Amino acid sequence: MHGLVALAHTVYAALGALHSDPRFPTLDLASPSATAPHRLQLSSSPTDCIPTEPLHRRLRDRERTMAHALPHIPLAYRLLLLYVEPVMAFNGALLLLFKPDVFLNTFSPDLRSSPDSQIVYDQLGATYILFAFNQAIVLRVARDLRVWKAIVLGILICDAVHFWAGWKVMIQDGNTNPIGWRPEDWVAVLSLIIPGSLRLAFLLGVGIKPNTGGEKGASKR
């Protein structure tokens, strides 16, 4: 018993010493005075702030980002979209800008360009340059699968209109039977059907595995 009493006196003496020591000020949390020398202050350091966004929301946003991160793109798609088609589009732009008759001959031997229509060929050539840029540059820097699909869908729609316009000319020429097609006709038709089929397969996700490694898949392009 005497030992416990002695221990209590020792603790009480230590607390009294801390209270009187200026190095250990007491914190007056209830005092309304804003000028209290030892009033508790909240730290403004970013590292001391508690995140206000719920953890489950941050995890959900992270999962969405990873779900749309670019996976490994199969070789057939990469060859078509990043290499073959940009070259073909740029070549078509050069023909439209400088040799529109050669470009028109791929659709019909009866078509001839007119100097009065050169502005139309020039603007169409500018559109082809945009196609080449989007596929050769934009797709290379994009890290989101949605960007790839948006661009591919736009080109697929353009292909459909392009094929419809060319087919109308072939109907007018009575040239719908493949037996009588010229090499230029085969090139014009196959250059739309084959890439269009690959684009449709890409949009449907054929051969594209769901991304599970964030940016890891994109680095393999």
C-alpha atoms as a PDB file:
ATOM      1  CA  MET A   1       0.000   0.000   0.000  1.00  0.00           C
ATOM      2  CA  HIS A   2       2.793   2.394   0.938  1.00  0.00           C
ATOM      3  CA  GLY A   3       4.392   1.604  -2.454  1.00  0.00           C
ATOM      4  CA  LEU A   4       1.228   2.600  -4.365  1.00  0.00           C
ATOM      5  CA  VAL A   5       0.954   5.853  -2.386  1.00  0.00           C
ATOM      6  CA  ALA A   6       4.568   6.678  -3.193  1.00  0.00           C
ATOM      7  CA  LEU A   7       3.995   5.951  -6.905  1.00  0.00           C
ATOM      8  CA  ALA A   8       0.919   8.222  -6.957  1.00  0.00           C
ATOM      9  CA  HIS A   9       2.903  11.058  -5.385  1.00  0.00           C
ATOM     10  CA  THR A  10       5.645  10.587  -7.991  1.00  0.00           C
ATOM     11  CA  VAL A  11       3.210  10.737 -10.933  1.00  0.00           C
ATOM     12  CA  TYR A  12       1.468  13.785  -9.450  1.00  0.00           C
ATOM     13  CA  ALA A  13       4.806  15.550  -9.009  1.00  0.00           C
ATOM     14  CA  ALA A  14       5.818  14.756 -12.606  1.00  0.00           C
ATOM     15  CA  LEU A  15       2.536  16.133 -13.973  1.00  0.00           C
ATOM     16  CA  GLY A  16       2.956  19.274 -11.898  1.00  0.00           C
ATOM     17  CA  ALA A  17       6.459  19.741 -13.300  1.00  0.00           C
ATOM     18  CA  LEU A  18       5.206  19.366 -16.888  1.00  0.00           C
ATOM     19  CA  HIS A  19       2.401  21.871 -16.229  1.00  0.00           C
ATOM     20  CA  SER A  20       4.808  24.483 -14.942  1.00  0.00           C
ATOM     21  CA  ASP A  21       7.474  23.867 -17.611  1.00  0.00           C
ATOM     22  CA  PRO A  22       7.126  26.449 -20.458  1.00  0.00           C
ATOM     23  CA  ARG A  23       8.441  23.864 -22.945  1.00  0.00           C
ATOM     24  CA  PHE A  24       5.229  21.869 -22.484  1.00  0.00           C
ATOM     25  CA  PRO A  25       2.342  24.355 -22.884  1.00  0.00           C
ATOM     26  CA  THR A  26      -1.195  23.301 -22.237  1.00  0.00           C
ATOM     27  CA  LEU A  27      -3.620  23.472 -25.170  1.00  0.00           C
ATOM     28  CA  ASP A  28      -6.716  25.532 -24.487  1.00  0.00           C
ATOM     29  CA  LEU A  29      -9.171  24.098 -27.034  1.00  0.00           C
ATOM     30  CA  ALA A  30     -12.228  25.721 -25.511  1.00  0.00           C
ATOM     31  CA  SER A  31     -10.943  29.287 -25.258  1.00  0.00           C
ATOM     32  CA  PRO A  32     -12.641  31.632 -27.770  1.00  0.00           C
ATOM     33  CA  SER A  33      -9.617  33.902 -27.869  1.00  0.00           C
ATOM     34  CA  ALA A  34      -7.985  33.792 -31.290  1.00  0.00           C
ATOM     35  CA  THR A  35      -4.777  35.263 -29.893  1.00  0.00           C
ATOM     36  CA  ALA A  36      -4.092  32.535 -27.358  1.00  0.00           C
ATOM     37  CA  PRO A  37      -0.355  31.760 -27.658  1.00  0.00           C
ATOM     38  CA  HIS A  38      -0.838  28.036 -27.407  1.00  0.00           C
ATOM     39  CA  ARG A  39      -4.141  27.638 -29.303  1.00  0.00           C
ATOM     40  CA  LEU A  40      -4.199  24.435 -31.378  1.00  0.00           C
ATOM     41  CA  GLN A  41      -3.600  25.067 -35.089  1.00  0.00           C
ATOM     42  CA  LEU A  42      -4.577  22.780 -37.960  1.00  0.00           C
ATOM     43  CA  SER A  43      -1.704  21.931 -40.262  1.00  0.00           C
ATOM     44  CA  SER A  44      -1.950  23.232 -43.839  1.00  0.00           C
ATOM     45  CA  SER A  45       0.602  20.745 -45.135  1.00  0.00           C
ATOM     46  CA  PRO A  46      -0.822  18.541 -47.952  1.00  0.00           C
ATOM     47  CA  THR A  47       0.810  15.501 -46.434  1.00  0.00           C
ATOM     48  CA  ASP A  48      -1.154  15.993 -43.188  1.00  0.00           C
ATOM     49  CA  CYS A  49      -4.554  16.297 -44.875  1.00  0.00           C
ATOM     50  CA  ILE A  50      -6.932  13.371 -44.764  1.00  0.00           C
ATOM     51  CA  PRO A  51      -8.325  12.462 -48.241  1.00  0.00           C
ATOM     52  CA  THR A  52     -11.954  13.507 -48.528  1.00  0.00           C
ATOM     53  CA  GLU A  53     -12.740  11.216 -51.495  1.00  0.00           C
ATOM     54  CA  PRO A  54     -14.062   7.820 -50.397  1.00  0.00           C
ATOM     55  CA  LEU A  55     -11.698   4.925 -50.937  1.00  0.00           C
ATOM     56  CA  HIS A  56     -14.260   2.870 -52.873  1.00  0.00           C
ATOM     57  CA  ARG A  57     -14.739   5.716 -55.361  1.00  0.00           C
ATOM     58  CA  ARG A  58     -11.007   6.017 -55.984  1.00  0.00           C
ATOM     59  CA  LEU A  59     -10.748   2.259 -56.488  1.00  0.00           C
ATOM     60  CA  ARG A  60     -13.697   2.330 -58.891  1.00  0.00           C
ATOM     61  CA  ASP A  61     -12.110   5.151 -60.935  1.00  0.00           C
ATOM     62  CA  ARG A  62      -8.827   3.244 -61.050  1.00  0.00           C
ATOM     63  CA  GLU A  63     -10.610   0.111 -62.305  1.00  0.00           C
ATOM     64  CA  ARG A  64     -12.333   2.116 -65.044  1.00  0.00           C
ATOM     65  CA  THR A  65      -9.049   3.650 -66.149  1.00  0.00           C
ATOM     66  CA  MET A  66      -7.392   0.232 -66.345  1.00  0.00           C
ATOM     67  CA  ALA A  67     -10.389  -1.211 -68.197  1.00  0.00           C
ATOM     68  CA  HIS A  68     -10.014   1.370 -70.973  1.00  0.00           C
ATOM     69  CA  ALA A  69      -6.209   1.356 -71.049  1.00  0.00           C
ATOM     70  CA  LEU A  70      -4.823   0.213 -74.366  1.00  0.00           C
ATOM     71  CA  PRO A  71      -4.247  -3.571 -74.447  1.00  0.00           C
ATOM     72  CA  HIS A  72      -1.844  -5.373 -76.738  1.00  0.00           C
ATOM     73  CA  ILE A  73      -3.043  -4.786 -80.322  1.00  0.00           C
ATOM     74  CA  PRO A  74      -2.615  -7.846 -82.600  1.00  0.00           C
ATOM     75  CA  LEU A  75      -0.095  -7.536 -85.418  1.00  0.00           C
ATOM     76  CA  ALA A  76      -2.669  -7.559 -88.239  1.00  0.00           C
ATOM     77  CA  TYR A  77      -4.428  -4.504 -86.826  1.00  0.00           C
ATOM     78  CA  ARG A  78      -1.177  -2.658 -86.147  1.00  0.00           C
ATOM     79  CA  LEU A  79       0.146  -3.274 -89.651  1.00  0.00           C
ATOM     80  CA  LEU A  80      -3.083  -2.045 -91.228  1.00  0.00           C
ATOM     81  CA  LEU A  81      -3.833   0.937 -89.026  1.00  0.00           C
ATOM     82  CA  LEU A  82      -0.348   2.239 -88.252  1.00  0.00           C
ATOM     83  CA  TYR A  83       1.582   1.485 -91.443  1.00  0.00           C
ATOM     84  CA  VAL A  84      -0.320   0.345 -94.538  1.00  0.00           C
ATOM     85  CA  GLU A  85      -3.293   2.690 -94.487  1.00  0.00           C
ATOM     86  CA  PRO A  86      -1.405   5.888 -93.619  1.00  0.00           C
ATOM     87  CA  VAL A  87       0.835   5.279 -96.656  1.00  0.00           C
ATOM     88  CA  MET A  88      -2.165   4.526 -98.878  1.00  0.00           C
ATOM     89  CA  ALA A  89      -4.034   7.620 -97.652  1.00  0.00           C
ATOM     90  CA  PHE A  90      -1.017   9.876 -98.217  1.00  0.00           C
ATOM     91  CA  ASN A  91      -0.525   8.398-101.685  1.00  0.00           C
ATOM     92  CA  GLY A  92      -4.182   9.086-102.477  1.00  0.00           C
ATOM     93  CA  ALA A  93      -3.740  12.660-101.295  1.00  0.00           C
ATOM     94  CA  LEU A  94      -0.780  13.164-103.639  1.00  0.00           C
ATOM     95  CA  LEU A  95      -2.798  11.807-106.566  1.00  0.00           C
ATOM     96  CA  LEU A  96      -5.708  14.106-105.803  1.00  0.00           C
ATOM     97  CA  LEU A  97      -3.470  17.141-105.451  1.00  0.00           C
ATOM     98  CA  PHE A  98      -1.272  16.584-108.496  1.00  0.00           C
ATOM     99  CA  LYS A  99      -2.762  13.817-110.693  1.00  0.00           C
ATOM    100  CA  PRO A 100      -6.523  13.674-110.191  1.00  0.00           C
ATOM    101  CA  ASP A 101      -7.047  11.852-113.500  1.00  0.00           C
ATOM    102  CA  VAL A 102      -5.073   8.873-112.192  1.00  0.00           C
ATOM    103  CA  PHE A 103      -7.144   8.858-109.026  1.00  0.00           C
ATOM    104  CA  LEU A 104     -10.442   8.964-110.974  1.00  0.00           C
ATOM    105  CA  ASN A 105      -9.261   6.182-113.278  1.00  0.00           C
ATOM    106  CA  THR A 106      -9.284   3.769-110.351  1.00  0.00           C
ATOM    107  CA  PHE A 107     -13.078   4.058-110.363  1.00  0.00           C
ATOM    108  CA  SER A 108     -13.855   4.373-114.058  1.00  0.00           C
ATOM    109  CA  PRO A 109     -11.828   4.838-117.266  1.00  0.00           C
ATOM    110  CA  ASP A 110     -14.473   7.298-118.475  1.00  0.00           C
ATOM    111  CA  LEU A 111     -13.997   9.799-115.647  1.00  0.00           C
ATOM    112  CA  ARG A 112     -11.939  12.921-116.366  1.00  0.00           C
ATOM    113  CA  SER A 113     -10.892  15.721-114.078  1.00  0.00           C
ATOM    114  CA  SER A 114     -11.659  19.353-114.772  1.00  0.00           C
ATOM    115  CA  PRO A 115      -9.575  22.384-113.799  1.00  0.00           C
ATOM    116  CA  ASP A 116     -12.757  23.972-112.480  1.00  0.00           C
ATOM    117  CA  SER A 117     -13.144  21.071-110.046  1.00  0.00           C
ATOM    118  CA  GLN A 118      -9.558  21.068-108.775  1.00  0.00           C
ATOM    119  CA  ILE A 119     -10.630  22.782-105.576  1.00  0.00           C
ATOM    120  CA  VAL A 120     -12.765  19.727-104.791  1.00  0.00           C
ATOM    121  CA  TYR A 121      -9.819  17.378-105.401  1.00  0.00           C
ATOM    122  CA  ASP A 122      -7.558  19.552-103.248  1.00  0.00           C
ATOM    123  CA  GLN A 123      -9.983  19.515-100.344  1.00  0.00           C
ATOM    124  CA  LEU A 124     -10.494  15.763-100.654  1.00  0.00           C
ATOM    125  CA  GLY A 125      -6.706  15.389-100.676  1.00  0.00           C
ATOM    126  CA  ALA A 126      -6.552  17.401 -97.443  1.00  0.00           C
ATOM    127  CA  THR A 127      -9.041  14.971 -95.905  1.00  0.00           C
ATOM    128  CA  TYR A 128      -6.836  12.036 -96.939  1.00  0.00           C
ATOM    129  CA  ILE A 129      -3.878  13.731 -95.246  1.00  0.00           C
ATOM    130  CA  LEU A 130      -5.975  14.016 -92.086  1.00  0.00           C
ATOM    131  CA  PHE A 131      -6.706  10.283 -92.269  1.00  0.00           C
ATOM    132  CA  ALA A 132      -2.998   9.540 -92.627  1.00  0.00           C
ATOM    133  CA  PHE A 133      -2.144  11.785 -89.665  1.00  0.00           C
ATOM    134  CA  ASN A 134      -4.809  10.285 -87.397  1.00  0.00           C
ATOM    135  CA  GLN A 135      -3.641   6.746 -88.055  1.00  0.00           C
ATOM    136  CA  ALA A 136       0.123   7.308 -88.165  1.00  0.00           C
ATOM    137  CA  ILE A 137       0.354   9.791 -85.272  1.00  0.00           C
ATOM    138  CA  VAL A 138      -2.787   9.983 -83.133  1.00  0.00           C
ATOM    139  CA  LEU A 139      -3.159   6.212 -82.761  1.00  0.00           C
ATOM    140  CA  ARG A 140       0.492   5.937 -81.751  1.00  0.00           C
ATOM    141  CA  VAL A 141       0.201   8.436 -78.910  1.00  0.00           C
ATOM    142  CA  ALA A 142      -3.262   7.331 -77.734  1.00  0.00           C
ATOM    143  CA  ARG A 143      -3.271   5.141 -74.619  1.00  0.00           C
ATOM    144  CA  ASP A 144      -7.029   4.679 -74.475  1.00  0.00           C
ATOM    145  CA  LEU A 145      -8.785   1.908 -76.379  1.00  0.00           C
ATOM    146  CA  ARG A 146     -11.828   4.151 -76.782  1.00  0.00           C
ATOM    147  CA  VAL A 147      -9.785   6.593 -78.869  1.00  0.00           C
ATOM    148  CA  TRP A 148      -8.697   3.774 -81.179  1.00  0.00           C
ATOM    149  CA  LYS A 149     -12.249   2.517 -81.580  1.00  0.00           C
ATOM    150  CA  ALA A 150     -13.613   6.013 -82.219  1.00  0.00           C
ATOM    151  CA  ILE A 151     -11.104   6.666 -85.013  1.00  0.00           C
ATOM    152  CA  VAL A 152     -11.566   3.213 -86.540  1.00  0.00           C
ATOM    153  CA  LEU A 153     -15.360   3.605 -86.460  1.00  0.00           C
ATOM    154  CA  GLY A 154     -15.089   6.968 -88.229  1.00  0.00           C
ATOM    155  CA  ILE A 155     -12.926   5.485 -90.972  1.00  0.00           C
ATOM    156  CA  LEU A 156     -15.299   2.514 -91.323  1.00  0.00           C
ATOM    157  CA  ILE A 157     -18.223   4.891 -91.906  1.00  0.00           C
ATOM    158  CA  CYS A 158     -16.122   6.742 -94.477  1.00  0.00           C
ATOM    159  CA  ASP A 159     -15.314   3.434 -96.181  1.00  0.00           C
ATOM    160  CA  ALA A 160     -19.017   2.606 -96.456  1.00  0.00           C
ATOM    161  CA  VAL A 161     -19.785   5.926 -98.166  1.00  0.00           C
ATOM    162  CA  HIS A 162     -16.685   5.560-100.347  1.00  0.00           C
ATOM    163  CA  PHE A 163     -17.746   2.087-101.471  1.00  0.00           C
ATOM    164  CA  TRP A 164     -21.303   3.273-102.173  1.00  0.00           C
ATOM    165  CA  ALA A 165     -20.031   6.142-104.346  1.00  0.00           C
ATOM    166  CA  GLY A 166     -17.655   3.902-106.304  1.00  0.00           C
ATOM    167  CA  TRP A 167     -20.298   1.210-106.785  1.00  0.00           C
ATOM    168  CA  LYS A 168     -22.718   3.763-108.247  1.00  0.00           C
ATOM    169  CA  VAL A 169     -20.126   4.640-110.897  1.00  0.00           C
ATOM    170  CA  MET A 170     -19.601   0.950-111.693  1.00  0.00           C
ATOM    171  CA  ILE A 171     -23.359   0.485-112.078  1.00  0.00           C
ATOM    172  CA  GLN A 172     -23.506   3.420-114.494  1.00  0.00           C
ATOM    173  CA  ASP A 173     -20.671   1.857-116.502  1.00  0.00           C
ATOM    174  CA  GLY A 174     -22.325  -1.582-116.423  1.00  0.00           C
ATOM    175  CA  ASN A 175     -19.211  -2.887-114.721  1.00  0.00           C
ATOM    176  CA  THR A 176     -20.639  -4.849-111.824  1.00  0.00           C
ATOM    177  CA  ASN A 177     -19.531  -8.277-113.065  1.00  0.00           C
ATOM    178  CA  PRO A 178     -16.127  -9.139-111.519  1.00  0.00           C
ATOM    179  CA  ILE A 179     -15.218 -11.161-114.627  1.00  0.00           C
ATOM    180  CA  GLY A 180     -14.807  -7.968-116.642  1.00  0.00           C
ATOM    181  CA  TRP A 181     -13.034  -5.939-113.972  1.00  0.00           C
ATOM    182  CA  ARG A 182      -9.732  -4.211-114.688  1.00  0.00           C
ATOM    183  CA  PRO A 183      -6.838  -4.444-112.214  1.00  0.00           C
ATOM    184  CA  GLU A 184      -7.763  -0.924-111.087  1.00  0.00           C
ATOM    185  CA  ASP A 185     -11.284  -2.103-110.292  1.00  0.00           C
ATOM    186  CA  TRP A 186     -10.000  -4.989-108.194  1.00  0.00           C
ATOM    187  CA  VAL A 187      -7.684  -2.642-106.301  1.00  0.00           C
ATOM    188  CA  ALA A 188     -10.494  -0.158-105.672  1.00  0.00           C
ATOM    189  CA  VAL A 189     -12.892  -2.808-104.363  1.00  0.00           C
ATOM    190  CA  LEU A 190     -10.469  -4.943-102.364  1.00  0.00           C
ATOM    191  CA  SER A 191      -8.796  -1.902-100.799  1.00  0.00           C
ATOM    192  CA  LEU A 192     -12.159  -1.150 -99.214  1.00  0.00           C
ATOM    193  CA  ILE A 193     -13.467  -4.628 -98.410  1.00  0.00           C
ATOM    194  CA  ILE A 194     -10.350  -6.103 -96.779  1.00  0.00           C
ATOM    195  CA  PRO A 195      -9.492  -3.134 -94.521  1.00  0.00           C
ATOM    196  CA  GLY A 196     -13.181  -2.623 -93.776  1.00  0.00           C
ATOM    197  CA  SER A 197     -13.485  -6.228 -92.617  1.00  0.00           C
ATOM    198  CA  LEU A 198     -10.472  -5.853 -90.335  1.00  0.00           C
ATOM    199  CA  ARG A 199     -11.862  -2.605 -88.935  1.00  0.00           C
ATOM    200  CA  LEU A 200     -15.176  -4.277 -88.160  1.00  0.00           C
ATOM    201  CA  ALA A 201     -13.363  -7.163 -86.462  1.00  0.00           C
ATOM    202  CA  PHE A 202     -11.359  -4.667 -84.394  1.00  0.00           C
ATOM    203  CA  LEU A 203     -14.511  -2.868 -83.265  1.00  0.00           C
ATOM    204  CA  LEU A 204     -16.043  -6.207 -82.281  1.00  0.00           C
ATOM    205  CA  GLY A 205     -12.941  -7.010 -80.223  1.00  0.00           C
ATOM    206  CA  VAL A 206     -11.843 -10.022 -82.261  1.00  0.00           C
ATOM    207  CA  GLY A 207      -8.370 -11.063 -81.082  1.00  0.00           C
ATOM    208  CA  ILE A 208      -8.167  -8.295 -78.474  1.00  0.00           C
ATOM    209  CA  LYS A 209      -7.843  -9.610 -74.946  1.00  0.00           C
ATOM    210  CA  PRO A 210      -9.232  -7.552 -72.042  1.00  0.00           C
ATOM    211  CA  ASN A 211      -6.549  -5.407 -70.472  1.00  0.00           C
ATOM    212  CA  THR A 212      -5.438  -6.497 -66.989  1.00  0.00           C
ATOM    213  CA  GLY A 213      -2.063  -4.826 -66.756  1.00  0.00           C
ATOM    214  CA  GLY A 214      -2.672  -1.107 -67.137  1.00  0.00           C
ATOM    215  CA  GLU A 215      -0.033   0.426 -69.401  1.00  0.00           C
ATOM    216  CA  LYS A 216       1.814  -2.849 -69.783  1.00  0.00           C
ATOM    217  CA  GLY A 217      -0.219  -3.848 -72.806  1.00  0.00           C
ATOM    218  CA  ALA A 218       0.237  -0.486 -74.470  1.00  0.00           C
ATOM    219  CA  SER A 219       4.003  -0.730 -74.205  1.00  0.00           C
ATOM    220  CA  LYS A 220       4.037  -3.787 -76.476  1.00  0.00           C
ATOM    221  CA  ARG A 221       2.807  -1.901 -79.524  1.00  0.00           C
END
